[in-house]
Each structure stands twice: as structure tokens, then as C-alpha cells.
């Protein structure tokens, strides 16, 4: 029984005993059932309140994982792209200048950078065009000190609230499914994706004037970054 109800019933039975024993027992049974229902409801309400608090806490943690705390910015002025024919299709040579920004109060790490060729389909969806990166992918600081500083991308750790200096990311993609003349500016674009700690992959979509890129290295036309989720 609930605490207060138990005291009231005990006081009533001690000082005001019922004249009719059967009626008294019936009243006690009814009171017991009522107290049981009230006690059960209080337990349920308390557990529900705790569950809702746990759900809210979990939702907050999930929302944190959806936020981009580690991002990068591509230098649109100095980044260059060129396309060349190959015996089996074409290959795309990219010189991407970028820097990284950690807005979190904790140290975070960029784990990987991946360059892909994307295509807009007729129903406005996007899909990756089958291609493969060539072996000459390199990543090095802006103040290039020569071949010793040029290596494949490795885990890059950023201190809290750190905005890095610029780096160069050079990569070539080879595709057999498209020739150089098949690349269409309104349909095909490059996507640079960063895998980072405790957040979804961060992509940047890079628009190219493919016709001009078939002649020489060109600046990118536009860069689209994701909005916060």
C-alpha cells in the first residue's frame, strides 16, 4: 500500500472499528486494491519519467554525432583541375589546396580523404562514377619542402579550436566508363570526402568547366558544402 493510505487505514481500524465485520473486511479489500493501483501507477510514472529523460539524453548524443565539428575549406582561387585522354577512357588530375577547421572544444582527427567522380542522373539523384585513384596521390603542407614532405594522407590530428594552415592534396582519377568528351559540366562533378572522428563523412562537391579542363589546368567553377544536419 501507499504510505499515507496505510497509516490512515491503520488509524481507522484501531480507533473506529466497523460494527459489521464483513463490511469492514470488504472495505479493507477495496482500500487495498485502490492503494495497490495508486502505488503501481506511481512506480510506472516514475519509471516513465526516467525513461523519457534517458531518451532525451540519447537524442542529444545522437544530435552531437550529426554535427560537423571538423570541416575543411577548399581554396577556390588556387585549386586546379585538368582532364586528359587515356587509351581506355580519361583521367582527371587534381591539385586541391585546403585547410582544416576544428570548432570543437576537444581534439579531433581527420582520418581519410577520398576523391570521387559523381554524376547527376535524369531524376536528379546522384551516383558515383566508377573510377580508381592512381598511385601518385600525395598530401603535403603548403610550404612544400620537397619530396620528403610528400606522402599519402595520414591521420591528421587537430587541437581544440584549431584552424590549420593550408595543405595540398593531389590526386588522379582514372575512369574507363567515360571519355574526356563525355564529361558534362552540368552533369558531372568531383566530390572530396573527409572521414573524421565522431561525425558523419564531410563532403565538398566541386564543379568543373570540363571543356576548358580538357585544354589546361583550370580553376574550379564552384564548391558546395553540406549544411549542418
Foldseek 3Di string as FASTA:
>chain_A
DDDVLVVVLVVCCVPPNDPDPVVNVVVVVVSVVVVVVVVVVVVVVVVVVVVVVVVVVVVVLVLQLLFCQKDKDWDLVPKWKAKEFDPQAIKIKTKIKMKMWGQAQAKKKWAAKDKFKWWQDPVRDIDTADKDKDPQWWKAAPVDPPDVRTDHDHIDMDGHRDIDHMMITIIMIDHNVHHLVRDDQVTMWMKMWIDMPSYDIWIKTWGDPSVVSHPDMDGTDDIDTDDRD
